[in-house]
Amino acid sequence: MKILLSESQIREGVERMAGEIAAAYSGRQLTIVGVLTGSVVLLADLIRRLDMPVRIGVIHASSYRGGISAGELIVQSDWMPDINGREVLLLDDIFDTGRTLRLIASQMSDLGATSVKTAVLLVKEGRSEVQLVPDFRGFSIPDVFVVGYGMDYQDLYRNLPYVGAMEEGDLVG
């Protein structure tokens, strides 16, 4: 596996993103909704760097079930807090096609959020299929399948402290 982003690079990127988010919200209360399961590590690291009132919620969205190709998107919002009248930051691990973030951001608006912005650790170059551009981003990466720092392949590798690109021989499916 090739390391694309080291632990220290990720730490610096999350610190930068936290500064940008803090500046954008100027100490106002913010509701951060993390997209499970990939964003859990980013969510934990990011909120510890924000010196502002923060409410936390999670939503589960999945289109990868055991492989490397996206299928039907399934969204479960059972653990999401009430966002009516709140400023929401939707947090995800990776922006690939953008369909997941676009759908969930639209749902947040429909639920009465006063504003919905998006933040992602990674943006895959050349993959977007939507008009949405993440408001906050950590890094741009090439179009490779990545794991680590919360991202997985068949529920493995989420615990890696870096982001690595899976090599052809590592992928099945």
Foldseek 3Di string as FASTA:
>chain_A
DAFPWALVLLLVLLLVLLVVVCVVCVQEEEEEEEEPDQCPLSVVSNVVNHPHHYHYWYKYWAQDAQADDGHDIDIGRPGGDQQAAHHYEYEYAECFQVPVVVVVQVVSVVSHHPYYAYEYAEYEPPGHPDPDDHPYYRYYDHPADKAECRRDRNPPRPPHSTIDGDDPVVGDD
